């Protein structure tokens, strides 16, 4: 057996750091993708409060234990940024990371939420322009989606966020990246949703443990499309209300799928067929 073959047979350790991730399907996606491409992958859920350590310690422990890489989810996508290098200027501009690779030159951070949202939007809506968009939530995934919307031809973004300073920081970054785009900030979802073509949820509201909806159904009537970053469950109140009002919808499953697909390529330096992985994920676990 050659050295290369021996390396291929070793178990590749990956993990996900986040809160409230007990039902995350990321382990299944990455371990299944590994089997489909001849790799042995172990993908762990790493929940700081359950481990009894803070985020930075869990991150360092994974690095020291020989993990190849990590996915980072709520609420740590911004908190991880000072711990790594970000080779892509777009990721540095948006200031949030969801994929980390450990290497001899130190940890490097990437954002496959950004690329995954663009891919999912294109699959769901084709060449539809986002138009004016009301986006609730300006945290880590919100940053990625906002920059994705810019790439898709956004004309007007209304950021709805209780933390106005956080929203203001994102608005400033977006204006710097695209000075011609109208960006406003409000804490009032009714104000943000008024006249918007697209409605986007980038908060944890609607996921298991955070039940509810960020946008009341009565505010959806004039919109055209909706996207929910939450994927556990897929059928959130936000999504079912939007569908009932006749909006075209993109579920959080599409973001989950594409960010995982793109992270797979970063972790392993190889690709996997999109339809092959999508089909395999439909099979019973």
C-alpha atoms as a PDB file:
ATOM      1  CA  UNK A   1       0.000   0.000   0.000  1.00  0.00           C
ATOM      2  CA  UNK A   2       1.362   3.406  -0.976  1.00  0.00           C
ATOM      3  CA  UNK A   3       1.602   6.302   1.459  1.00  0.00           C
ATOM      4  CA  UNK A   4      -1.212   8.051  -0.441  1.00  0.00           C
ATOM      5  CA  UNK A   5      -3.442   4.964  -0.167  1.00  0.00           C
ATOM      6  CA  UNK A   6      -2.670   4.691   3.525  1.00  0.00           C
ATOM      7  CA  UNK A   7      -3.665   8.309   4.065  1.00  0.00           C
ATOM      8  CA  UNK A   8      -6.942   7.715   2.218  1.00  0.00           C
ATOM      9  CA  UNK A   9      -7.861   4.894   4.611  1.00  0.00           C
ATOM     10  CA  UNK A  10      -7.332   6.977   7.742  1.00  0.00           C
ATOM     11  CA  UNK A  11     -10.384   8.384   9.497  1.00  0.00           C
ATOM     12  CA  UNK A  12     -10.864  12.065   8.756  1.00  0.00           C
ATOM     13  CA  UNK A  13     -12.189  13.936  11.779  1.00  0.00           C
ATOM     14  CA  UNK A  14     -14.533  16.863  11.251  1.00  0.00           C
ATOM     15  CA  UNK A  15     -16.911  18.630  13.608  1.00  0.00           C
ATOM     16  CA  UNK A  16     -19.611  21.224  14.072  1.00  0.00           C
ATOM     17  CA  UNK A  17     -19.416  23.797  16.878  1.00  0.00           C
ATOM     18  CA  UNK A  18     -22.679  25.467  17.829  1.00  0.00           C
ATOM     19  CA  UNK A  19     -25.500  25.715  20.304  1.00  0.00           C
ATOM     20  CA  UNK A  20     -28.754  23.789  19.888  1.00  0.00           C
ATOM     21  CA  UNK A  21     -27.311  21.428  17.252  1.00  0.00           C
ATOM     22  CA  UNK A  22     -28.469  18.081  18.660  1.00  0.00           C
ATOM     23  CA  UNK A  23     -30.697  17.575  15.608  1.00  0.00           C
ATOM     24  CA  UNK A  24     -28.255  18.923  13.014  1.00  0.00           C
ATOM     25  CA  UNK A  25     -28.050  16.778   9.882  1.00  0.00           C
ATOM     26  CA  UNK A  26     -24.509  17.925   9.065  1.00  0.00           C
ATOM     27  CA  UNK A  27     -22.923  14.718  10.466  1.00  0.00           C
ATOM     28  CA  UNK A  28     -25.044  12.626   8.127  1.00  0.00           C
ATOM     29  CA  UNK A  29     -24.230  14.771   5.094  1.00  0.00           C
ATOM     30  CA  UNK A  30     -20.476  14.728   5.596  1.00  0.00           C
ATOM     31  CA  UNK A  31     -20.168  11.091   6.626  1.00  0.00           C
ATOM     32  CA  UNK A  32     -22.394  10.024   3.721  1.00  0.00           C
ATOM     33  CA  UNK A  33     -20.435  12.169   1.255  1.00  0.00           C
ATOM     34  CA  UNK A  34     -17.264  10.526   2.536  1.00  0.00           C
ATOM     35  CA  UNK A  35     -18.619   7.019   1.942  1.00  0.00           C
ATOM     36  CA  UNK A  36     -19.720   7.973  -1.568  1.00  0.00           C
ATOM     37  CA  UNK A  37     -16.192   9.106  -2.409  1.00  0.00           C
ATOM     38  CA  UNK A  38     -14.226   6.390  -0.631  1.00  0.00           C
ATOM     39  CA  UNK A  39     -13.321   8.348   2.509  1.00  0.00           C
ATOM     40  CA  UNK A  40     -13.875   7.411   6.134  1.00  0.00           C
ATOM     41  CA  UNK A  41     -15.238  10.511   7.855  1.00  0.00           C
ATOM     42  CA  UNK A  42     -16.157  11.010  11.491  1.00  0.00           C
ATOM     43  CA  UNK A  43     -18.155  14.190  12.064  1.00  0.00           C
ATOM     44  CA  UNK A  44     -18.831  15.238  15.665  1.00  0.00           C
ATOM     45  CA  UNK A  45     -21.273  17.659  17.238  1.00  0.00           C
ATOM     46  CA  UNK A  46     -19.333  19.914  19.626  1.00  0.00           C
ATOM     47  CA  UNK A  47     -21.602  21.925  21.936  1.00  0.00           C
ATOM     48  CA  UNK A  48     -19.580  24.187  24.240  1.00  0.00           C
ATOM     49  CA  UNK A  49     -22.091  24.316  27.073  1.00  0.00           C
ATOM     50  CA  UNK A  50     -22.460  20.522  27.070  1.00  0.00           C
ATOM     51  CA  UNK A  51     -18.690  20.063  27.083  1.00  0.00           C
ATOM     52  CA  UNK A  52     -18.335  22.635  29.868  1.00  0.00           C
ATOM     53  CA  UNK A  53     -15.831  24.790  27.962  1.00  0.00           C
ATOM     54  CA  UNK A  54     -16.035  28.089  26.124  1.00  0.00           C
ATOM     55  CA  UNK A  55     -16.023  28.337  22.330  1.00  0.00           C
ATOM     56  CA  UNK A  56     -12.340  29.241  22.020  1.00  0.00           C
ATOM     57  CA  UNK A  57     -11.285  26.254  24.119  1.00  0.00           C
ATOM     58  CA  UNK A  58     -13.452  23.825  22.151  1.00  0.00           C
ATOM     59  CA  UNK A  59     -11.995  25.239  18.923  1.00  0.00           C
ATOM     60  CA  UNK A  60      -8.422  24.842  20.179  1.00  0.00           C
ATOM     61  CA  UNK A  61      -9.110  21.337  21.505  1.00  0.00           C
ATOM     62  CA  UNK A  62     -10.386  20.240  18.082  1.00  0.00           C
ATOM     63  CA  UNK A  63      -7.314  21.686  16.401  1.00  0.00           C
ATOM     64  CA  UNK A  64      -4.973  19.953  18.845  1.00  0.00           C
ATOM     65  CA  UNK A  65      -6.850  16.643  18.570  1.00  0.00           C
ATOM     66  CA  UNK A  66      -6.106  16.398  14.851  1.00  0.00           C
ATOM     67  CA  UNK A  67      -9.424  17.460  13.336  1.00  0.00           C
ATOM     68  CA  UNK A  68      -9.062  18.309   9.652  1.00  0.00           C
ATOM     69  CA  UNK A  69     -11.686  21.022   9.923  1.00  0.00           C
ATOM     70  CA  UNK A  70     -14.811  22.393  11.517  1.00  0.00           C
ATOM     71  CA  UNK A  71     -18.111  23.880  10.581  1.00  0.00           C
ATOM     72  CA  UNK A  72     -19.193  26.803  12.754  1.00  0.00           C
ATOM     73  CA  UNK A  73     -22.815  27.668  13.370  1.00  0.00           C
ATOM     74  CA  UNK A  74     -24.984  29.881  15.572  1.00  0.00           C
ATOM     75  CA  UNK A  75     -23.900  31.825  17.550  1.00  0.00           C
ATOM     76  CA  UNK A  76     -20.173  31.555  16.789  1.00  0.00           C
ATOM     77  CA  UNK A  77     -19.739  32.505  13.109  1.00  0.00           C
ATOM     78  CA  UNK A  78     -18.476  35.977  13.963  1.00  0.00           C
ATOM     79  CA  UNK A  79     -16.725  34.985  17.169  1.00  0.00           C
ATOM     80  CA  UNK A  80     -14.414  32.600  15.291  1.00  0.00           C
ATOM     81  CA  UNK A  81     -13.079  35.301  12.932  1.00  0.00           C
ATOM     82  CA  UNK A  82     -10.178  36.543  15.139  1.00  0.00           C
ATOM     83  CA  UNK A  83      -8.871  32.975  15.459  1.00  0.00           C
ATOM     84  CA  UNK A  84      -8.008  32.437  11.804  1.00  0.00           C
ATOM     85  CA  UNK A  85      -6.882  33.722   8.435  1.00  0.00           C
ATOM     86  CA  UNK A  86      -9.469  34.322   5.695  1.00  0.00           C
ATOM     87  CA  UNK A  87      -7.916  33.952   2.225  1.00  0.00           C
ATOM     88  CA  UNK A  88     -11.000  35.264   0.356  1.00  0.00           C
ATOM     89  CA  UNK A  89     -11.498  39.044   0.400  1.00  0.00           C
ATOM     90  CA  UNK A  90     -15.271  38.570   0.168  1.00  0.00           C
ATOM     91  CA  UNK A  91     -15.264  36.564   3.385  1.00  0.00           C
ATOM     92  CA  UNK A  92     -13.139  39.210   5.085  1.00  0.00           C
ATOM     93  CA  UNK A  93     -15.649  41.842   3.973  1.00  0.00           C
ATOM     94  CA  UNK A  94     -18.685  40.014   5.335  1.00  0.00           C
ATOM     95  CA  UNK A  95     -16.911  39.114   8.586  1.00  0.00           C
ATOM     96  CA  UNK A  96     -18.368  35.691   9.328  1.00  0.00           C
ATOM     97  CA  UNK A  97     -17.045  32.157   8.836  1.00  0.00           C
ATOM     98  CA  UNK A  98     -18.815  28.804   8.814  1.00  0.00           C
ATOM     99  CA  UNK A  99     -16.033  26.522   7.526  1.00  0.00           C
ATOM    100  CA  UNK A 100     -12.534  26.177   8.990  1.00  0.00           C
ATOM    101  CA  UNK A 101      -9.644  24.045   7.771  1.00  0.00           C
ATOM    102  CA  UNK A 102      -6.667  23.313  10.011  1.00  0.00           C
ATOM    103  CA  UNK A 103      -3.326  23.225   8.240  1.00  0.00           C
ATOM    104  CA  UNK A 104       0.394  23.626   8.889  1.00  0.00           C
ATOM    105  CA  UNK A 105       0.115  27.388   8.356  1.00  0.00           C
ATOM    106  CA  UNK A 106      -2.721  27.715  10.862  1.00  0.00           C
ATOM    107  CA  UNK A 107      -6.522  27.664  10.593  1.00  0.00           C
ATOM    108  CA  UNK A 108      -8.118  29.201   7.516  1.00  0.00           C
ATOM    109  CA  UNK A 109     -11.736  30.319   7.347  1.00  0.00           C
ATOM    110  CA  UNK A 110     -14.271  30.243   4.530  1.00  0.00           C
ATOM    111  CA  UNK A 111     -17.955  30.987   4.141  1.00  0.00           C
ATOM    112  CA  UNK A 112     -20.042  28.425   2.302  1.00  0.00           C
ATOM    113  CA  UNK A 113     -23.258  29.995   3.597  1.00  0.00           C
ATOM    114  CA  UNK A 114     -22.540  32.788   1.097  1.00  0.00           C
ATOM    115  CA  UNK A 115     -21.862  30.508  -1.868  1.00  0.00           C
ATOM    116  CA  UNK A 116     -24.512  28.024  -0.725  1.00  0.00           C
ATOM    117  CA  UNK A 117     -27.217  30.682  -0.578  1.00  0.00           C
ATOM    118  CA  UNK A 118     -26.414  31.838  -4.107  1.00  0.00           C
ATOM    119  CA  UNK A 119     -26.553  28.255  -5.407  1.00  0.00           C
ATOM    120  CA  UNK A 120     -29.799  27.509  -3.563  1.00  0.00           C
ATOM    121  CA  UNK A 121     -31.454  30.737  -4.708  1.00  0.00           C
ATOM    122  CA  UNK A 122     -30.532  30.018  -8.327  1.00  0.00           C
ATOM    123  CA  UNK A 123     -31.916  26.477  -8.093  1.00  0.00           C
ATOM    124  CA  UNK A 124     -35.148  27.652  -6.459  1.00  0.00           C
ATOM    125  CA  UNK A 125     -35.808  30.861  -8.378  1.00  0.00           C
ATOM    126  CA  UNK A 126     -33.698  30.784 -11.532  1.00  0.00           C
ATOM    127  CA  UNK A 127     -32.860  34.255 -12.836  1.00  0.00           C
ATOM    128  CA  UNK A 128     -35.494  36.036 -10.720  1.00  0.00           C
ATOM    129  CA  UNK A 129     -34.137  39.331  -9.416  1.00  0.00           C
ATOM    130  CA  UNK A 130     -34.333  39.582  -5.617  1.00  0.00           C
ATOM    131  CA  UNK A 131     -35.805  43.081  -5.912  1.00  0.00           C
ATOM    132  CA  UNK A 132     -36.383  44.827  -2.596  1.00  0.00           C
ATOM    133  CA  UNK A 133     -35.759  42.456   0.317  1.00  0.00           C
ATOM    134  CA  UNK A 134     -36.704  42.539   3.978  1.00  0.00           C
ATOM    135  CA  UNK A 135     -34.170  40.453   5.907  1.00  0.00           C
ATOM    136  CA  UNK A 136     -34.701  39.750   9.601  1.00  0.00           C
ATOM    137  CA  UNK A 137     -31.435  39.110  11.432  1.00  0.00           C
ATOM    138  CA  UNK A 138     -27.977  40.599  10.900  1.00  0.00           C
ATOM    139  CA  UNK A 139     -25.809  37.919  12.539  1.00  0.00           C
ATOM    140  CA  UNK A 140     -23.411  35.464  10.944  1.00  0.00           C
ATOM    141  CA  UNK A 141     -25.769  33.819   8.460  1.00  0.00           C
ATOM    142  CA  UNK A 142     -27.447  37.172   7.802  1.00  0.00           C
ATOM    143  CA  UNK A 143     -24.127  38.641   6.710  1.00  0.00           C
ATOM    144  CA  UNK A 144     -23.540  35.780   4.275  1.00  0.00           C
ATOM    145  CA  UNK A 145     -27.052  35.968   2.832  1.00  0.00           C
ATOM    146  CA  UNK A 146     -26.889  39.763   2.494  1.00  0.00           C
ATOM    147  CA  UNK A 147     -23.674  39.578   0.488  1.00  0.00           C
ATOM    148  CA  UNK A 148     -25.188  36.737  -1.534  1.00  0.00           C
ATOM    149  CA  UNK A 149     -28.169  38.934  -2.345  1.00  0.00           C
ATOM    150  CA  UNK A 150     -25.790  41.641  -3.569  1.00  0.00           C
ATOM    151  CA  UNK A 151     -24.247  39.139  -5.968  1.00  0.00           C
ATOM    152  CA  UNK A 152     -27.728  38.186  -7.198  1.00  0.00           C
ATOM    153  CA  UNK A 153     -28.709  41.762  -8.119  1.00  0.00           C
ATOM    154  CA  UNK A 154     -30.377  43.085  -4.976  1.00  0.00           C
ATOM    155  CA  UNK A 155     -31.768  46.638  -5.377  1.00  0.00           C
ATOM    156  CA  UNK A 156     -32.949  47.504  -1.861  1.00  0.00           C
ATOM    157  CA  UNK A 157     -32.272  45.786   1.476  1.00  0.00           C
ATOM    158  CA  UNK A 158     -34.205  46.485   4.668  1.00  0.00           C
ATOM    159  CA  UNK A 159     -32.381  45.038   7.667  1.00  0.00           C
ATOM    160  CA  UNK A 160     -34.695  44.240  10.587  1.00  0.00           C
ATOM    161  CA  UNK A 161     -32.748  43.713  13.788  1.00  0.00           C
ATOM    162  CA  UNK A 162     -33.277  44.437  17.490  1.00  0.00           C
ATOM    163  CA  UNK A 163     -29.555  45.151  17.830  1.00  0.00           C
ATOM    164  CA  UNK A 164     -29.385  48.307  15.739  1.00  0.00           C
ATOM    165  CA  UNK A 165     -25.624  48.668  16.181  1.00  0.00           C
ATOM    166  CA  UNK A 166     -25.095  45.193  14.721  1.00  0.00           C
ATOM    167  CA  UNK A 167     -27.393  45.967  11.807  1.00  0.00           C
ATOM    168  CA  UNK A 168     -25.674  49.316  11.268  1.00  0.00           C
ATOM    169  CA  UNK A 169     -22.277  47.622  11.006  1.00  0.00           C
ATOM    170  CA  UNK A 170     -23.593  45.217   8.366  1.00  0.00           C
ATOM    171  CA  UNK A 171     -25.303  48.060   6.508  1.00  0.00           C
ATOM    172  CA  UNK A 172     -22.025  50.001   6.383  1.00  0.00           C
ATOM    173  CA  UNK A 173     -20.159  46.985   5.002  1.00  0.00           C
ATOM    174  CA  UNK A 174     -22.814  46.479   2.326  1.00  0.00           C
ATOM    175  CA  UNK A 175     -22.756  50.147   1.307  1.00  0.00           C
ATOM    176  CA  UNK A 176     -18.983  50.013   1.009  1.00  0.00           C
ATOM    177  CA  UNK A 177     -19.211  46.905  -1.177  1.00  0.00           C
ATOM    178  CA  UNK A 178     -22.055  48.272  -3.333  1.00  0.00           C
ATOM    179  CA  UNK A 179     -22.547  52.064  -2.972  1.00  0.00           C
ATOM    180  CA  UNK A 180     -25.517  52.131  -5.361  1.00  0.00           C
ATOM    181  CA  UNK A 181     -27.636  49.726  -3.286  1.00  0.00           C
ATOM    182  CA  UNK A 182     -30.219  51.172  -0.892  1.00  0.00           C
ATOM    183  CA  UNK A 183     -29.740  49.736   2.617  1.00  0.00           C
ATOM    184  CA  UNK A 184     -31.878  50.716   5.611  1.00  0.00           C
ATOM    185  CA  UNK A 185     -32.028  49.567   9.221  1.00  0.00           C
ATOM    186  CA  UNK A 186     -35.072  49.213  11.458  1.00  0.00           C
ATOM    187  CA  UNK A 187     -36.283  47.280  14.472  1.00  0.00           C
ATOM    188  CA  UNK A 188     -39.853  47.246  13.076  1.00  0.00           C
ATOM    189  CA  UNK A 189     -40.604  44.225  10.898  1.00  0.00           C
ATOM    190  CA  UNK A 190     -43.777  45.851   9.525  1.00  0.00           C
ATOM    191  CA  UNK A 191     -41.731  48.787   8.276  1.00  0.00           C
ATOM    192  CA  UNK A 192     -39.149  46.507   6.704  1.00  0.00           C
ATOM    193  CA  UNK A 193     -41.679  44.206   5.048  1.00  0.00           C
ATOM    194  CA  UNK A 194     -43.819  46.976   3.533  1.00  0.00           C
ATOM    195  CA  UNK A 195     -43.506  46.746  -0.251  1.00  0.00           C
ATOM    196  CA  UNK A 196     -40.730  44.142  -0.144  1.00  0.00           C
ATOM    197  CA  UNK A 197     -40.581  41.528  -2.908  1.00  0.00           C
ATOM    198  CA  UNK A 198     -38.528  39.109  -0.808  1.00  0.00           C
ATOM    199  CA  UNK A 199     -38.811  38.101   2.851  1.00  0.00           C
ATOM    200  CA  UNK A 200     -35.805  36.445   4.496  1.00  0.00           C
ATOM    201  CA  UNK A 201     -35.380  34.969   7.968  1.00  0.00           C
ATOM    202  CA  UNK A 202     -31.792  34.842   9.196  1.00  0.00           C
ATOM    203  CA  UNK A 203     -32.612  34.436  12.884  1.00  0.00           C
ATOM    204  CA  UNK A 204     -32.980  31.182  14.846  1.00  0.00           C
ATOM    205  CA  UNK A 205     -36.704  31.889  15.287  1.00  0.00           C
ATOM    206  CA  UNK A 206     -38.587  28.878  13.997  1.00  0.00           C
ATOM    207  CA  UNK A 207     -35.960  26.236  14.706  1.00  0.00           C
ATOM    208  CA  UNK A 208     -36.384  23.554  17.333  1.00  0.00           C
ATOM    209  CA  UNK A 209     -36.200  25.292  20.678  1.00  0.00           C
ATOM    210  CA  UNK A 210     -36.975  28.744  19.211  1.00  0.00           C
ATOM    211  CA  UNK A 211     -40.547  28.275  18.032  1.00  0.00           C
ATOM    212  CA  UNK A 212     -42.443  31.102  16.375  1.00  0.00           C
ATOM    213  CA  UNK A 213     -42.071  33.244  13.263  1.00  0.00           C
ATOM    214  CA  UNK A 214     -40.148  36.471  12.662  1.00  0.00           C
ATOM    215  CA  UNK A 215     -42.699  37.811  10.169  1.00  0.00           C
ATOM    216  CA  UNK A 216     -46.457  37.639  10.907  1.00  0.00           C
ATOM    217  CA  UNK A 217     -48.465  36.180   8.028  1.00  0.00           C
ATOM    218  CA  UNK A 218     -50.469  39.382   7.574  1.00  0.00           C
ATOM    219  CA  UNK A 219     -47.264  41.135   6.475  1.00  0.00           C
ATOM    220  CA  UNK A 220     -46.580  38.623   3.691  1.00  0.00           C
ATOM    221  CA  UNK A 221     -49.447  39.412   1.371  1.00  0.00           C
ATOM    222  CA  UNK A 222     -47.634  41.749  -1.033  1.00  0.00           C
ATOM    223  CA  UNK A 223     -44.357  39.782  -1.189  1.00  0.00           C
ATOM    224  CA  UNK A 224     -43.289  37.472  -4.022  1.00  0.00           C
ATOM    225  CA  UNK A 225     -40.744  35.089  -2.515  1.00  0.00           C
ATOM    226  CA  UNK A 226     -39.398  33.949   0.853  1.00  0.00           C
ATOM    227  CA  UNK A 227     -36.354  32.177   2.250  1.00  0.00           C
ATOM    228  CA  UNK A 228     -35.818  30.744   5.729  1.00  0.00           C
ATOM    229  CA  UNK A 229     -32.279  29.929   6.852  1.00  0.00           C
ATOM    230  CA  UNK A 230     -33.719  27.522   9.446  1.00  0.00           C
ATOM    231  CA  UNK A 231     -33.788  23.887   8.329  1.00  0.00           C
ATOM    232  CA  UNK A 232     -34.639  22.018  11.542  1.00  0.00           C
ATOM    233  CA  UNK A 233     -37.516  21.770  10.938  1.00  0.00           C
ATOM    234  CA  UNK A 234     -37.825  22.512   7.209  1.00  0.00           C
ATOM    235  CA  UNK A 235     -41.531  23.354   7.501  1.00  0.00           C
ATOM    236  CA  UNK A 236     -41.242  26.331   9.844  1.00  0.00           C
ATOM    237  CA  UNK A 237     -44.226  28.558  10.532  1.00  0.00           C
ATOM    238  CA  UNK A 238     -42.529  31.233   8.420  1.00  0.00           C
ATOM    239  CA  UNK A 239     -42.294  28.857   5.451  1.00  0.00           C
ATOM    240  CA  UNK A 240     -45.797  27.409   5.749  1.00  0.00           C
ATOM    241  CA  UNK A 241     -47.299  30.905   6.080  1.00  0.00           C
ATOM    242  CA  UNK A 242     -45.381  32.120   3.036  1.00  0.00           C
ATOM    243  CA  UNK A 243     -46.526  29.131   0.966  1.00  0.00           C
ATOM    244  CA  UNK A 244     -50.117  29.655   2.083  1.00  0.00           C
ATOM    245  CA  UNK A 245     -49.919  33.261   0.880  1.00  0.00           C
ATOM    246  CA  UNK A 246     -48.751  32.071  -2.546  1.00  0.00           C
ATOM    247  CA  UNK A 247     -45.107  33.132  -2.286  1.00  0.00           C
ATOM    248  CA  UNK A 248     -42.383  31.201  -4.076  1.00  0.00           C
ATOM    249  CA  UNK A 249     -40.266  29.648  -1.334  1.00  0.00           C
ATOM    250  CA  UNK A 250     -36.738  28.430  -0.726  1.00  0.00           C
ATOM    251  CA  UNK A 251     -36.386  26.337   2.401  1.00  0.00           C
ATOM    252  CA  UNK A 252     -33.401  26.203   4.688  1.00  0.00           C
ATOM    253  CA  UNK A 253     -32.720  22.686   3.397  1.00  0.00           C
ATOM    254  CA  UNK A 254     -31.264  24.178   0.213  1.00  0.00           C
ATOM    255  CA  UNK A 255     -28.812  26.313   2.175  1.00  0.00           C
ATOM    256  CA  UNK A 256     -27.948  23.319   4.379  1.00  0.00           C
ATOM    257  CA  UNK A 257     -27.322  21.174   1.306  1.00  0.00           C
ATOM    258  CA  UNK A 258     -25.207  23.611  -0.676  1.00  0.00           C
ATOM    259  CA  UNK A 259     -23.147  24.927   2.213  1.00  0.00           C
ATOM    260  CA  UNK A 260     -22.372  21.299   3.082  1.00  0.00           C
ATOM    261  CA  UNK A 261     -21.575  20.418  -0.528  1.00  0.00           C
ATOM    262  CA  UNK A 262     -19.208  23.363  -0.825  1.00  0.00           C
ATOM    263  CA  UNK A 263     -17.629  22.704   2.586  1.00  0.00           C
ATOM    264  CA  UNK A 264     -16.974  19.112   1.509  1.00  0.00           C
ATOM    265  CA  UNK A 265     -14.858  20.410  -1.363  1.00  0.00           C
ATOM    266  CA  UNK A 266     -12.891  22.684   0.967  1.00  0.00           C
ATOM    267  CA  UNK A 267     -12.282  19.964   3.570  1.00  0.00           C
ATOM    268  CA  UNK A 268     -11.120  17.296   1.128  1.00  0.00           C
ATOM    269  CA  UNK A 269      -9.867  19.141  -1.951  1.00  0.00           C
ATOM    270  CA  UNK A 270     -12.183  17.147  -4.180  1.00  0.00           C
ATOM    271  CA  UNK A 271     -15.725  17.434  -5.484  1.00  0.00           C
ATOM    272  CA  UNK A 272     -18.761  15.204  -5.232  1.00  0.00           C
ATOM    273  CA  UNK A 273     -21.598  15.111  -7.739  1.00  0.00           C
ATOM    274  CA  UNK A 274     -24.453  17.332  -6.610  1.00  0.00           C
ATOM    275  CA  UNK A 275     -27.215  15.014  -7.739  1.00  0.00           C
ATOM    276  CA  UNK A 276     -25.425  11.958  -6.336  1.00  0.00           C
ATOM    277  CA  UNK A 277     -25.314  13.507  -2.869  1.00  0.00           C
ATOM    278  CA  UNK A 278     -28.814  14.947  -3.094  1.00  0.00           C
ATOM    279  CA  UNK A 279     -30.230  11.562  -4.070  1.00  0.00           C
ATOM    280  CA  UNK A 280     -28.334   9.734  -1.321  1.00  0.00           C
ATOM    281  CA  UNK A 281     -29.636  12.146   1.315  1.00  0.00           C
ATOM    282  CA  UNK A 282     -33.203  11.281   0.341  1.00  0.00           C
ATOM    283  CA  UNK A 283     -32.653   7.651   1.346  1.00  0.00           C
ATOM    284  CA  UNK A 284     -33.670   6.656   4.893  1.00  0.00           C
ATOM    285  CA  UNK A 285     -30.905   7.279   7.422  1.00  0.00           C
END
